PDB file of all heavy atoms in Angstrom:
ATOM      1  N   PHE A   1       0.844  -1.196   0.000  1.00  0.00           N
ATOM      2  CA  PHE A   1       0.000   0.000   0.000  1.00  0.00           C
ATOM      3  C   PHE A   1       0.877   1.243   0.000  1.00  0.00           C
ATOM      4  O   PHE A   1       1.691   1.440   0.901  1.00  0.00           O
ATOM      5  CB  PHE A   1      -0.907  -0.023   1.236  1.00  0.00           C
ATOM      6  CG  PHE A   1      -1.778   1.192   1.409  1.00  0.00           C
ATOM      7  CD1 PHE A   1      -2.316   1.867   0.323  1.00  0.00           C
ATOM      8  CD2 PHE A   1      -2.083   1.658   2.683  1.00  0.00           C
ATOM      9  CE1 PHE A   1      -3.131   2.975   0.488  1.00  0.00           C
ATOM     10  CE2 PHE A   1      -2.900   2.760   2.870  1.00  0.00           C
ATOM     11  CZ  PHE A   1      -3.422   3.421   1.773  1.00  0.00           C
ATOM     12  N   LYS A   2       0.723   2.081  -1.016  1.00  0.00           N
ATOM     13  CA  LYS A   2       1.459   3.342  -1.115  1.00  0.00           C
ATOM     14  C   LYS A   2       0.467   4.487  -0.987  1.00  0.00           C
ATOM     15  O   LYS A   2      -0.386   4.676  -1.850  1.00  0.00           O
ATOM     16  CB  LYS A   2       2.196   3.437  -2.458  1.00  0.00           C
ATOM     17  CG  LYS A   2       3.232   2.353  -2.698  1.00  0.00           C
ATOM     18  CD  LYS A   2       4.395   2.452  -1.736  1.00  0.00           C
ATOM     19  CE  LYS A   2       5.500   1.454  -2.088  1.00  0.00           C
ATOM     20  NZ  LYS A   2       6.574   1.435  -1.063  1.00  0.00           N
ATOM     21  N   PHE A   3       0.565   5.259   0.084  1.00  0.00           N
ATOM     22  CA  PHE A   3      -0.363   6.375   0.297  1.00  0.00           C
ATOM     23  C   PHE A   3       0.165   7.671  -0.312  1.00  0.00           C
ATOM     24  O   PHE A   3      -0.582   8.630  -0.469  1.00  0.00           O
ATOM     25  CB  PHE A   3      -0.601   6.559   1.800  1.00  0.00           C
ATOM     26  CG  PHE A   3      -1.770   7.446   2.132  1.00  0.00           C
ATOM     27  CD1 PHE A   3      -3.062   7.066   1.782  1.00  0.00           C
ATOM     28  CD2 PHE A   3      -1.588   8.657   2.783  1.00  0.00           C
ATOM     29  CE1 PHE A   3      -4.148   7.882   2.078  1.00  0.00           C
ATOM     30  CE2 PHE A   3      -2.670   9.475   3.092  1.00  0.00           C
ATOM     31  CZ  PHE A   3      -3.960   9.085   2.740  1.00  0.00           C
ATOM     32  N   GLY A   4       1.445   7.682  -0.659  1.00  0.00           N
ATOM     33  CA  GLY A   4       2.046   8.899  -1.203  1.00  0.00           C
ATOM     34  C   GLY A   4       1.499   9.265  -2.574  1.00  0.00           C
ATOM     35  O   GLY A   4       1.074   8.408  -3.346  1.00  0.00           O
ATOM     36  N   ALA A   5       1.540  10.566  -2.873  1.00  0.00           N
ATOM     37  CA  ALA A   5       1.038  11.059  -4.152  1.00  0.00           C
ATOM     38  C   ALA A   5       2.142  11.655  -5.024  1.00  0.00           C
ATOM     39  O   ALA A   5       1.932  11.909  -6.206  1.00  0.00           O
ATOM     40  CB  ALA A   5      -0.039  12.125  -3.909  1.00  0.00           C
ATOM     41  N   GLY A   6       3.328  11.852  -4.460  1.00  0.00           N
ATOM     42  CA  GLY A   6       4.383  12.556  -5.190  1.00  0.00           C
ATOM     43  C   GLY A   6       5.247  11.694  -6.085  1.00  0.00           C
ATOM     44  O   GLY A   6       5.749  12.158  -7.107  1.00  0.00           O
ATOM     45  N   VAL A   7       5.448  10.437  -5.703  1.00  0.00           N
ATOM     46  CA  VAL A   7       6.340   9.552  -6.455  1.00  0.00           C
ATOM     47  C   VAL A   7       5.554   8.323  -6.925  1.00  0.00           C
ATOM     48  O   VAL A   7       5.096   7.520  -6.111  1.00  0.00           O
ATOM     49  CB  VAL A   7       7.542   9.095  -5.594  1.00  0.00           C
ATOM     50  CG1 VAL A   7       8.465   8.195  -6.404  1.00  0.00           C
ATOM     51  CG2 VAL A   7       8.311  10.302  -5.067  1.00  0.00           C
ATOM     52  N   LEU A   8       5.399   8.186  -8.232  1.00  0.00           N
ATOM     53  CA  LEU A   8       4.683   7.037  -8.796  1.00  0.00           C
ATOM     54  C   LEU A   8       5.524   5.775  -8.618  1.00  0.00           C
ATOM     55  O   LEU A   8       6.711   5.759  -8.928  1.00  0.00           O
ATOM     56  CB  LEU A   8       4.408   7.270 -10.275  1.00  0.00           C
ATOM     57  CG  LEU A   8       3.683   6.143 -11.018  1.00  0.00           C
ATOM     58  CD1 LEU A   8       2.241   6.045 -10.555  1.00  0.00           C
ATOM     59  CD2 LEU A   8       3.739   6.376 -12.523  1.00  0.00           C
ATOM     60  N   VAL A   9       4.906   4.707  -8.118  1.00  0.00           N
ATOM     61  CA  VAL A   9       5.607   3.441  -7.890  1.00  0.00           C
ATOM     62  C   VAL A   9       5.002   2.362  -8.789  1.00  0.00           C
ATOM     63  O   VAL A   9       3.779   2.200  -8.846  1.00  0.00           O
ATOM     64  CB  VAL A   9       5.505   3.007  -6.409  1.00  0.00           C
ATOM     65  CG1 VAL A   9       6.287   1.716  -6.189  1.00  0.00           C
ATOM     66  CG2 VAL A   9       6.034   4.103  -5.490  1.00  0.00           C
ATOM     67  N   MET A  10       5.857   1.645  -9.493  1.00  0.00           N
ATOM     68  CA  MET A  10       5.409   0.561 -10.367  1.00  0.00           C
ATOM     69  C   MET A  10       5.906  -0.785  -9.827  1.00  0.00           C
ATOM     70  O   MET A  10       6.957  -0.854  -9.184  1.00  0.00           O
ATOM     71  CB  MET A  10       5.940   0.780 -11.791  1.00  0.00           C
ATOM     72  CG  MET A  10       5.416   2.056 -12.454  1.00  0.00           C
ATOM     73  SD  MET A  10       3.624   2.049 -12.670  1.00  0.00           S
ATOM     74  CE  MET A  10       3.450   0.785 -13.941  1.00  0.00           C
ATOM     75  N   PRO A  11       5.182  -1.861 -10.078  1.00  0.00           N
ATOM     76  CA  PRO A  11       5.576  -3.173  -9.553  1.00  0.00           C
ATOM     77  C   PRO A  11       6.651  -3.873 -10.381  1.00  0.00           C
ATOM     78  O   PRO A  11       7.369  -4.730  -9.865  1.00  0.00           O
ATOM     79  CB  PRO A  11       4.269  -3.963  -9.598  1.00  0.00           C
ATOM     80  CG  PRO A  11       3.520  -3.376 -10.743  1.00  0.00           C
ATOM     81  CD  PRO A  11       3.857  -1.909 -10.741  1.00  0.00           C
ATOM     82  N   HIS A  12       6.763  -3.532 -11.652  1.00  0.00           N
ATOM     83  CA  HIS A  12       7.666  -4.245 -12.560  1.00  0.00           C
ATOM     84  C   HIS A  12       9.138  -4.040 -12.156  1.00  0.00           C
ATOM     85  O   HIS A  12       9.639  -2.919 -12.127  1.00  0.00           O
ATOM     86  CB  HIS A  12       7.438  -3.768 -13.993  1.00  0.00           C
ATOM     87  CG  HIS A  12       5.991  -3.835 -14.401  1.00  0.00           C
ATOM     88  ND1 HIS A  12       5.374  -5.022 -14.709  1.00  0.00           N
ATOM     89  CD2 HIS A  12       5.036  -2.879 -14.509  1.00  0.00           C
ATOM     90  CE1 HIS A  12       4.108  -4.793 -14.997  1.00  0.00           C
ATOM     91  NE2 HIS A  12       3.869  -3.494 -14.887  1.00  0.00           N
ATOM     92  N   GLY A  13       9.789  -5.140 -11.827  1.00  0.00           N
ATOM     93  CA  GLY A  13      11.193  -5.081 -11.426  1.00  0.00           C
ATOM     94  C   GLY A  13      11.405  -4.430 -10.075  1.00  0.00           C
ATOM     95  O   GLY A  13      12.529  -4.067  -9.729  1.00  0.00           O
ATOM     96  N   ASN A  14      10.355  -4.290  -9.284  1.00  0.00           N
ATOM     97  CA  ASN A  14      10.414  -3.591  -8.001  1.00  0.00           C
ATOM     98  C   ASN A  14      11.092  -4.474  -6.939  1.00  0.00           C
ATOM     99  O   ASN A  14      10.550  -5.508  -6.553  1.00  0.00           O
ATOM    100  CB  ASN A  14       8.991  -3.234  -7.562  1.00  0.00           C
ATOM    101  CG  ASN A  14       8.945  -2.340  -6.341  1.00  0.00           C
ATOM    102  OD1 ASN A  14       9.605  -2.604  -5.352  1.00  0.00           O
ATOM    103  ND2 ASN A  14       8.144  -1.296  -6.411  1.00  0.00           N
ATOM    104  N   PRO A  15      12.283  -4.086  -6.445  1.00  0.00           N
ATOM    105  CA  PRO A  15      12.990  -4.934  -5.471  1.00  0.00           C
ATOM    106  C   PRO A  15      12.279  -5.029  -4.129  1.00  0.00           C
ATOM    107  O   PRO A  15      12.374  -6.049  -3.439  1.00  0.00           O
ATOM    108  CB  PRO A  15      14.357  -4.256  -5.331  1.00  0.00           C
ATOM    109  CG  PRO A  15      14.121  -2.835  -5.733  1.00  0.00           C
ATOM    110  CD  PRO A  15      13.061  -2.881  -6.790  1.00  0.00           C
ATOM    111  N   GLN A  16      11.558  -3.981  -3.742  1.00  0.00           N
ATOM    112  CA  GLN A  16      10.850  -4.008  -2.464  1.00  0.00           C
ATOM    113  C   GLN A  16       9.791  -5.105  -2.451  1.00  0.00           C
ATOM    114  O   GLN A  16       9.679  -5.868  -1.481  1.00  0.00           O
ATOM    115  CB  GLN A  16      10.195  -2.650  -2.196  1.00  0.00           C
ATOM    116  CG  GLN A  16       9.482  -2.580  -0.850  1.00  0.00           C
ATOM    117  CD  GLN A  16       8.853  -1.217  -0.580  1.00  0.00           C
ATOM    118  OE1 GLN A  16       8.801  -0.363  -1.471  1.00  0.00           O
ATOM    119  NE2 GLN A  16       8.378  -1.000   0.625  1.00  0.00           N
ATOM    120  N   LEU A  17       9.029  -5.219  -3.526  1.00  0.00           N
ATOM    121  CA  LEU A  17       7.995  -6.251  -3.603  1.00  0.00           C
ATOM    122  C   LEU A  17       8.606  -7.652  -3.628  1.00  0.00           C
ATOM    123  O   LEU A  17       8.072  -8.581  -3.006  1.00  0.00           O
ATOM    124  CB  LEU A  17       7.134  -6.032  -4.845  1.00  0.00           C
ATOM    125  CG  LEU A  17       6.078  -4.918  -4.749  1.00  0.00           C
ATOM    126  CD1 LEU A  17       5.433  -4.684  -6.100  1.00  0.00           C
ATOM    127  CD2 LEU A  17       5.015  -5.276  -3.720  1.00  0.00           C
ATOM    128  N   ARG A  18       9.711  -7.810  -4.332  1.00  0.00           N
ATOM    129  CA  ARG A  18      10.369  -9.113  -4.377  1.00  0.00           C
ATOM    130  C   ARG A  18      10.928  -9.497  -3.006  1.00  0.00           C
ATOM    131  O   ARG A  18      10.900 -10.658  -2.600  1.00  0.00           O
ATOM    132  CB  ARG A  18      11.478  -9.102  -5.441  1.00  0.00           C
ATOM    133  CG  ARG A  18      10.922  -9.256  -6.850  1.00  0.00           C
ATOM    134  CD  ARG A  18      11.918  -8.817  -7.917  1.00  0.00           C
ATOM    135  NE  ARG A  18      11.454  -9.176  -9.249  1.00  0.00           N
ATOM    136  CZ  ARG A  18      10.451  -8.579  -9.889  1.00  0.00           C
ATOM    137  NH1 ARG A  18       9.816  -7.578  -9.298  1.00  0.00           N
ATOM    138  NH2 ARG A  18      10.081  -8.968 -11.097  1.00  0.00           N
ATOM    139  N   TYR A  19      11.426  -8.527  -2.287  1.00  0.00           N
ATOM    140  CA  TYR A  19      11.926  -8.727  -0.923  1.00  0.00           C
ATOM    141  C   TYR A  19      10.785  -9.245  -0.035  1.00  0.00           C
ATOM    142  O   TYR A  19      10.949 -10.223   0.710  1.00  0.00           O
ATOM    143  CB  TYR A  19      12.452  -7.378  -0.423  1.00  0.00           C
ATOM    144  CG  TYR A  19      13.346  -7.362   0.786  1.00  0.00           C
ATOM    145  CD1 TYR A  19      14.633  -6.820   0.715  1.00  0.00           C
ATOM    146  CD2 TYR A  19      12.912  -7.813   2.032  1.00  0.00           C
ATOM    147  CE1 TYR A  19      15.457  -6.753   1.827  1.00  0.00           C
ATOM    148  CE2 TYR A  19      13.727  -7.741   3.154  1.00  0.00           C
ATOM    149  CZ  TYR A  19      14.997  -7.200   3.043  1.00  0.00           C
ATOM    150  OH  TYR A  19      15.804  -7.124   4.150  1.00  0.00           O
ATOM    151  N   TYR A  20       9.623  -8.563  -0.117  1.00  0.00           N
ATOM    152  CA  TYR A  20       8.464  -8.983   0.673  1.00  0.00           C
ATOM    153  C   TYR A  20       8.005 -10.397   0.283  1.00  0.00           C
ATOM    154  O   TYR A  20       7.662 -11.214   1.143  1.00  0.00           O
ATOM    155  CB  TYR A  20       7.297  -8.017   0.463  1.00  0.00           C
ATOM    156  CG  TYR A  20       7.478  -6.649   1.078  1.00  0.00           C
ATOM    157  CD1 TYR A  20       6.840  -5.531   0.545  1.00  0.00           C
ATOM    158  CD2 TYR A  20       8.266  -6.469   2.213  1.00  0.00           C
ATOM    159  CE1 TYR A  20       6.995  -4.279   1.104  1.00  0.00           C
ATOM    160  CE2 TYR A  20       8.431  -5.215   2.782  1.00  0.00           C
ATOM    161  CZ  TYR A  20       7.789  -4.120   2.222  1.00  0.00           C
ATOM    162  OH  TYR A  20       7.931  -2.880   2.780  1.00  0.00           O
ATOM    163  N   ALA A  21       7.968 -10.654  -1.027  1.00  0.00           N
ATOM    164  CA  ALA A  21       7.514 -11.974  -1.503  1.00  0.00           C
ATOM    165  C   ALA A  21       8.452 -13.078  -1.026  1.00  0.00           C
ATOM    166  O   ALA A  21       8.009 -14.150  -0.599  1.00  0.00           O
ATOM    167  CB  ALA A  21       7.430 -11.965  -3.028  1.00  0.00           C
ATOM    168  N   LEU A  22       9.749 -12.809  -1.082  1.00  0.00           N
ATOM    169  CA  LEU A  22      10.732 -13.783  -0.600  1.00  0.00           C
ATOM    170  C   LEU A  22      10.532 -14.023   0.891  1.00  0.00           C
ATOM    171  O   LEU A  22      10.573 -15.166   1.366  1.00  0.00           O
ATOM    172  CB  LEU A  22      12.149 -13.278  -0.878  1.00  0.00           C
ATOM    173  CG  LEU A  22      13.290 -14.194  -0.456  1.00  0.00           C
ATOM    174  CD1 LEU A  22      13.241 -15.514  -1.223  1.00  0.00           C
ATOM    175  CD2 LEU A  22      14.648 -13.499  -0.682  1.00  0.00           C
ATOM    176  N   GLY A  23      10.292 -12.941   1.642  1.00  0.00           N
ATOM    177  CA  GLY A  23      10.048 -13.067   3.078  1.00  0.00           C
ATOM    178  C   GLY A  23       8.828 -13.921   3.378  1.00  0.00           C
ATOM    179  O   GLY A  23       8.843 -14.743   4.306  1.00  0.00           O
ATOM    180  N   ALA A  24       7.774 -13.750   2.576  1.00  0.00           N
ATOM    181  CA  ALA A  24       6.551 -14.533   2.772  1.00  0.00           C
ATOM    182  C   ALA A  24       6.788 -16.008   2.460  1.00  0.00           C
ATOM    183  O   ALA A  24       6.285 -16.894   3.168  1.00  0.00           O
ATOM    184  CB  ALA A  24       5.432 -13.981   1.896  1.00  0.00           C
ATOM    185  N   MET A  25       7.558 -16.282   1.419  1.00  0.00           N
ATOM    186  CA  MET A  25       7.817 -17.678   1.047  1.00  0.00           C
ATOM    187  C   MET A  25       8.682 -18.388   2.077  1.00  0.00           C
ATOM    188  O   MET A  25       8.460 -19.553   2.398  1.00  0.00           O
ATOM    189  CB  MET A  25       8.491 -17.732  -0.325  1.00  0.00           C
ATOM    190  CG  MET A  25       7.541 -17.568  -1.490  1.00  0.00           C
ATOM    191  SD  MET A  25       8.335 -17.838  -3.091  1.00  0.00           S
ATOM    192  CE  MET A  25       8.861 -19.538  -2.945  1.00  0.00           C
ATOM    193  N   VAL A  26       9.657 -17.667   2.613  1.00  0.00           N
ATOM    194  CA  VAL A  26      10.599 -18.281   3.549  1.00  0.00           C
ATOM    195  C   VAL A  26       9.961 -18.527   4.922  1.00  0.00           C
ATOM    196  O   VAL A  26      10.306 -19.494   5.610  1.00  0.00           O
ATOM    197  CB  VAL A  26      11.864 -17.395   3.679  1.00  0.00           C
ATOM    198  CG1 VAL A  26      12.739 -17.849   4.837  1.00  0.00           C
ATOM    199  CG2 VAL A  26      12.660 -17.420   2.382  1.00  0.00           C
ATOM    200  N   THR A  27       9.032 -17.662   5.316  1.00  0.00           N
ATOM    201  CA  THR A  27       8.501 -17.732   6.685  1.00  0.00           C
ATOM    202  C   THR A  27       7.082 -18.298   6.769  1.00  0.00           C
ATOM    203  O   THR A  27       6.440 -18.197   7.816  1.00  0.00           O
ATOM    204  CB  THR A  27       8.521 -16.327   7.325  1.00  0.00           C
ATOM    205  OG1 THR A  27       7.747 -15.429   6.504  1.00  0.00           O
ATOM    206  CG2 THR A  27       9.941 -15.812   7.442  1.00  0.00           C
ATOM    207  N   THR A  28       6.585 -18.877   5.695  1.00  0.00           N
ATOM    208  CA  THR A  28       5.264 -19.517   5.707  1.00  0.00           C
ATOM    209  C   THR A  28       5.368 -20.884   5.033  1.00  0.00           C
ATOM    210  O   THR A  28       6.348 -21.155   4.334  1.00  0.00           O
ATOM    211  CB  THR A  28       4.217 -18.674   4.937  1.00  0.00           C
ATOM    212  OG1 THR A  28       4.570 -18.645   3.547  1.00  0.00           O
ATOM    213  CG2 THR A  28       4.127 -17.252   5.480  1.00  0.00           C
ATOM    214  N   PRO A  29       4.358 -21.726   5.190  1.00  0.00           N
ATOM    215  CA  PRO A  29       4.373 -23.033   4.509  1.00  0.00           C
ATOM    216  C   PRO A  29       3.891 -22.951   3.062  1.00  0.00           C
ATOM    217  O   PRO A  29       3.806 -23.964   2.382  1.00  0.00           O
ATOM    218  CB  PRO A  29       3.411 -23.871   5.362  1.00  0.00           C
ATOM    219  CG  PRO A  29       2.448 -22.882   5.923  1.00  0.00           C
ATOM    220  CD  PRO A  29       3.246 -21.633   6.166  1.00  0.00           C
ATOM    221  N   PHE A  30       3.596 -21.738   2.585  1.00  0.00           N
ATOM    222  CA  PHE A  30       3.063 -21.583   1.230  1.00  0.00           C
ATOM    223  C   PHE A  30       4.141 -21.902   0.189  1.00  0.00           C
ATOM    224  O   PHE A  30       5.260 -21.413   0.287  1.00  0.00           O
ATOM    225  CB  PHE A  30       2.554 -20.168   1.000  1.00  0.00           C
ATOM    226  CG  PHE A  30       1.625 -19.655   2.074  1.00  0.00           C
ATOM    227  CD1 PHE A  30       1.633 -18.311   2.450  1.00  0.00           C
ATOM    228  CD2 PHE A  30       0.745 -20.519   2.718  1.00  0.00           C
ATOM    229  CE1 PHE A  30       0.777 -17.841   3.436  1.00  0.00           C
ATOM    230  CE2 PHE A  30      -0.111 -20.050   3.715  1.00  0.00           C
ATOM    231  CZ  PHE A  30      -0.086 -18.711   4.071  1.00  0.00           C
ATOM    232  N   ARG A  31       3.777 -22.697  -0.803  1.00  0.00           N
ATOM    233  CA  ARG A  31       4.701 -23.044  -1.885  1.00  0.00           C
ATOM    234  C   ARG A  31       4.028 -22.758  -3.232  1.00  0.00           C
ATOM    235  O   ARG A  31       3.489 -23.644  -3.879  1.00  0.00           O
ATOM    236  CB  ARG A  31       5.112 -24.523  -1.769  1.00  0.00           C
ATOM    237  CG  ARG A  31       5.960 -24.822  -0.546  1.00  0.00           C
ATOM    238  CD  ARG A  31       7.285 -24.062  -0.587  1.00  0.00           C
ATOM    239  NE  ARG A  31       8.057 -24.205   0.652  1.00  0.00           N
ATOM    240  CZ  ARG A  31       8.079 -23.301   1.614  1.00  0.00           C
ATOM    241  NH1 ARG A  31       7.352 -22.189   1.494  1.00  0.00           N
ATOM    242  NH2 ARG A  31       8.807 -23.482   2.697  1.00  0.00           N
ATOM    243  N   PRO A  32       4.072 -21.512  -3.658  1.00  0.00           N
ATOM    244  CA  PRO A  32       3.376 -21.123  -4.890  1.00  0.00           C
ATOM    245  C   PRO A  32       4.155 -21.453  -6.155  1.00  0.00           C
ATOM    246  O   PRO A  32       5.376 -21.634  -6.127  1.00  0.00           O
ATOM    247  CB  PRO A  32       3.245 -19.609  -4.733  1.00  0.00           C
ATOM    248  CG  PRO A  32       4.490 -19.236  -3.977  1.00  0.00           C
ATOM    249  CD  PRO A  32       4.715 -20.360  -3.008  1.00  0.00           C
ATOM    250  N   LYS A  33       3.422 -21.524  -7.258  1.00  0.00           N
ATOM    251  CA  LYS A  33       4.049 -21.618  -8.572  1.00  0.00           C
ATOM    252  C   LYS A  33       4.206 -20.219  -9.178  1.00  0.00           C
ATOM    253  O   LYS A  33       5.165 -19.946  -9.883  1.00  0.00           O
ATOM    254  CB  LYS A  33       3.210 -22.499  -9.500  1.00  0.00           C
ATOM    255  CG  LYS A  33       3.243 -23.978  -9.143  1.00  0.00           C
ATOM    256  CD  LYS A  33       2.451 -24.802 -10.143  1.00  0.00           C
ATOM    257  CE  LYS A  33       2.525 -26.296  -9.811  1.00  0.00           C
ATOM    258  NZ  LYS A  33       1.735 -27.115 -10.775  1.00  0.00           N
ATOM    259  N   LYS A  34       3.221 -19.375  -8.878  1.00  0.00           N
ATOM    260  CA  LYS A  34       3.240 -18.004  -9.367  1.00  0.00           C
ATOM    261  C   LYS A  34       3.142 -17.032  -8.195  1.00  0.00           C
ATOM    262  O   LYS A  34       2.549 -17.349  -7.156  1.00  0.00           O
ATOM    263  CB  LYS A  34       2.072 -17.746 -10.326  1.00  0.00           C
ATOM    264  CG  LYS A  34       2.108 -18.575 -11.610  1.00  0.00           C
ATOM    265  CD  LYS A  34       3.190 -18.083 -12.559  1.00  0.00           C
ATOM    266  CE  LYS A  34       3.160 -18.842 -13.882  1.00  0.00           C
ATOM    267  NZ  LYS A  34       4.213 -18.368 -14.815  1.00  0.00           N
ATOM    268  N   VAL A  35       3.712 -15.854  -8.390  1.00  0.00           N
ATOM    269  CA  VAL A  35       3.644 -14.806  -7.374  1.00  0.00           C
ATOM    270  C   VAL A  35       3.163 -13.524  -8.046  1.00  0.00           C
ATOM    271  O   VAL A  35       3.722 -13.092  -9.060  1.00  0.00           O
ATOM    272  CB  VAL A  35       5.017 -14.550  -6.714  1.00  0.00           C
ATOM    273  CG1 VAL A  35       4.920 -13.409  -5.706  1.00  0.00           C
ATOM    274  CG2 VAL A  35       5.529 -15.823  -6.038  1.00  0.00           C
ATOM    275  N   GLU A  36       2.110 -12.937  -7.488  1.00  0.00           N
ATOM    276  CA  GLU A  36       1.591 -11.676  -8.017  1.00  0.00           C
ATOM    277  C   GLU A  36       2.045 -10.543  -7.106  1.00  0.00           C
ATOM    278  O   GLU A  36       1.784 -10.561  -5.898  1.00  0.00           O
ATOM    279  CB  GLU A  36       0.063 -11.700  -8.105  1.00  0.00           C
ATOM    280  CG  GLU A  36      -0.507 -10.460  -8.782  1.00  0.00           C
ATOM    281  CD  GLU A  36      -1.999 -10.547  -9.058  1.00  0.00           C
ATOM    282  OE1 GLU A  36      -2.614 -11.576  -8.680  1.00  0.00           O
ATOM    283  OE2 GLU A  36      -2.550  -9.598  -9.648  1.00  0.00           O
ATOM    284  N   LEU A  37       2.737  -9.584  -7.684  1.00  0.00           N
ATOM    285  CA  LEU A  37       3.269  -8.445  -6.943  1.00  0.00           C
ATOM    286  C   LEU A  37       2.395  -7.235  -7.256  1.00  0.00           C
ATOM    287  O   LEU A  37       2.263  -6.837  -8.412  1.00  0.00           O
ATOM    288  CB  LEU A  37       4.715  -8.181  -7.347  1.00  0.00           C
ATOM    289  CG  LEU A  37       5.657  -9.400  -7.263  1.00  0.00           C
ATOM    290  CD1 LEU A  37       6.997  -9.077  -7.885  1.00  0.00           C
ATOM    291  CD2 LEU A  37       5.816  -9.849  -5.811  1.00  0.00           C
ATOM    292  N   VAL A  38       1.801  -6.646  -6.216  1.00  0.00           N
ATOM    293  CA  VAL A  38       0.784  -5.613  -6.419  1.00  0.00           C
ATOM    294  C   VAL A  38       1.125  -4.315  -5.686  1.00  0.00           C
ATOM    295  O   VAL A  38       1.501  -4.337  -4.511  1.00  0.00           O
ATOM    296  CB  VAL A  38      -0.595  -6.103  -5.933  1.00  0.00           C
ATOM    297  CG1 VAL A  38      -1.678  -5.062  -6.240  1.00  0.00           C
ATOM    298  CG2 VAL A  38      -0.949  -7.448  -6.558  1.00  0.00           C
ATOM    299  N   ILE A  39       0.983  -3.206  -6.387  1.00  0.00           N
ATOM    300  CA  ILE A  39       1.068  -1.870  -5.794  1.00  0.00           C
ATOM    301  C   ILE A  39      -0.330  -1.276  -5.810  1.00  0.00           C
ATOM    302  O   ILE A  39      -0.987  -1.249  -6.848  1.00  0.00           O
ATOM    303  CB  ILE A  39       2.012  -0.942  -6.594  1.00  0.00           C
ATOM    304  CG1 ILE A  39       3.469  -1.412  -6.508  1.00  0.00           C
ATOM    305  CG2 ILE A  39       1.886   0.510  -6.106  1.00  0.00           C
ATOM    306  CD1 ILE A  39       4.130  -1.209  -5.166  1.00  0.00           C
ATOM    307  N   VAL A  40      -0.797  -0.799  -4.650  1.00  0.00           N
ATOM    308  CA  VAL A  40      -2.053  -0.050  -4.587  1.00  0.00           C
ATOM    309  C   VAL A  40      -1.685   1.366  -4.161  1.00  0.00           C
ATOM    310  O   VAL A  40      -1.261   1.597  -3.025  1.00  0.00           O
ATOM    311  CB  VAL A  40      -3.048  -0.680  -3.586  1.00  0.00           C
ATOM    312  CG1 VAL A  40      -4.338   0.146  -3.557  1.00  0.00           C
ATOM    313  CG2 VAL A  40      -3.357  -2.123  -3.959  1.00  0.00           C
ATOM    314  N   GLN A  41      -1.842   2.310  -5.082  1.00  0.00           N
ATOM    315  CA  GLN A  41      -1.438   3.703  -4.844  1.00  0.00           C
ATOM    316  C   GLN A  41      -2.569   4.631  -5.306  1.00  0.00           C
ATOM    317  O   GLN A  41      -2.528   5.207  -6.392  1.00  0.00           O
ATOM    318  CB  GLN A  41      -0.128   4.012  -5.586  1.00  0.00           C
ATOM    319  CG  GLN A  41       0.491   5.353  -5.210  1.00  0.00           C
ATOM    320  CD  GLN A  41       1.832   5.575  -5.910  1.00  0.00           C
ATOM    321  OE1 GLN A  41       2.143   4.952  -6.914  1.00  0.00           O
ATOM    322  NE2 GLN A  41       2.636   6.487  -5.360  1.00  0.00           N
ATOM    323  N   PRO A  42      -3.579   4.818  -4.467  1.00  0.00           N
ATOM    324  CA  PRO A  42      -4.794   5.531  -4.879  1.00  0.00           C
ATOM    325  C   PRO A  42      -4.612   7.016  -5.180  1.00  0.00           C
ATOM    326  O   PRO A  42      -5.381   7.583  -5.953  1.00  0.00           O
ATOM    327  CB  PRO A  42      -5.745   5.339  -3.684  1.00  0.00           C
ATOM    328  CG  PRO A  42      -5.161   4.209  -2.900  1.00  0.00           C
ATOM    329  CD  PRO A  42      -3.695   4.287  -3.110  1.00  0.00           C
ATOM    330  N   ARG A  43      -3.611   7.659  -4.569  1.00  0.00           N
ATOM    331  CA  ARG A  43      -3.515   9.123  -4.712  1.00  0.00           C
ATOM    332  C   ARG A  43      -2.586   9.573  -5.835  1.00  0.00           C
ATOM    333  O   ARG A  43      -2.397  10.773  -6.022  1.00  0.00           O
ATOM    334  CB  ARG A  43      -3.047   9.745  -3.386  1.00  0.00           C
ATOM    335  CG  ARG A  43      -3.990   9.492  -2.215  1.00  0.00           C
ATOM    336  CD  ARG A  43      -3.825  10.537  -1.130  1.00  0.00           C
ATOM    337  NE  ARG A  43      -2.455  10.582  -0.614  1.00  0.00           N
ATOM    338  CZ  ARG A  43      -2.000  11.538   0.188  1.00  0.00           C
ATOM    339  NH1 ARG A  43      -2.787  12.528   0.548  1.00  0.00           N
ATOM    340  NH2 ARG A  43      -0.757  11.496   0.637  1.00  0.00           N
ATOM    341  N   CYS A  44      -2.003   8.647  -6.555  1.00  0.00           N
ATOM    342  CA  CYS A  44      -1.075   9.006  -7.631  1.00  0.00           C
ATOM    343  C   CYS A  44      -1.666   8.534  -8.959  1.00  0.00           C
ATOM    344  O   CYS A  44      -1.800   7.334  -9.193  1.00  0.00           O
ATOM    345  CB  CYS A  44       0.289   8.365  -7.398  1.00  0.00           C
ATOM    346  SG  CYS A  44       1.637   9.174  -8.272  1.00  0.00           S
ATOM    347  N   ALA A  45      -2.041   9.473  -9.819  1.00  0.00           N
ATOM    348  CA  ALA A  45      -2.730   9.146 -11.069  1.00  0.00           C
ATOM    349  C   ALA A  45      -1.852   8.354 -12.022  1.00  0.00           C
ATOM    350  O   ALA A  45      -0.664   8.630 -12.171  1.00  0.00           O
ATOM    351  CB  ALA A  45      -3.201  10.429 -11.752  1.00  0.00           C
ATOM    352  N   HIS A  46      -2.447   7.343 -12.639  1.00  0.00           N
ATOM    353  CA  HIS A  46      -1.764   6.526 -13.635  1.00  0.00           C
ATOM    354  C   HIS A  46      -2.829   5.960 -14.567  1.00  0.00           C
ATOM    355  O   HIS A  46      -3.935   5.618 -14.119  1.00  0.00           O
ATOM    356  CB  HIS A  46      -0.993   5.387 -12.960  1.00  0.00           C
ATOM    357  CG  HIS A  46      -0.138   4.593 -13.901  1.00  0.00           C
ATOM    358  ND1 HIS A  46      -0.621   3.520 -14.628  1.00  0.00           N
ATOM    359  CD2 HIS A  46       1.164   4.728 -14.265  1.00  0.00           C
ATOM    360  CE1 HIS A  46       0.349   3.033 -15.378  1.00  0.00           C
ATOM    361  NE2 HIS A  46       1.437   3.740 -15.185  1.00  0.00           N
ATOM    362  N   PRO A  47      -2.532   5.876 -15.876  1.00  0.00           N
ATOM    363  CA  PRO A  47      -3.537   5.355 -16.821  1.00  0.00           C
ATOM    364  C   PRO A  47      -4.095   3.992 -16.431  1.00  0.00           C
ATOM    365  O   PRO A  47      -5.245   3.679 -16.730  1.00  0.00           O
ATOM    366  CB  PRO A  47      -2.759   5.279 -18.141  1.00  0.00           C
ATOM    367  CG  PRO A  47      -1.695   6.312 -18.016  1.00  0.00           C
ATOM    368  CD  PRO A  47      -1.308   6.320 -16.571  1.00  0.00           C
TER     369      PRO A  47
END
């Protein structure tokens, strides 16, 4: 969740999201085949 409006954040190649995803995989019993990395940034306009 990104509440900021000044800096647009994209998920593609985003190291922060990959860091979080790796943390979730290592510390849970979940073993996914696919991982969806999502940015929700309501205050920053994007097409």
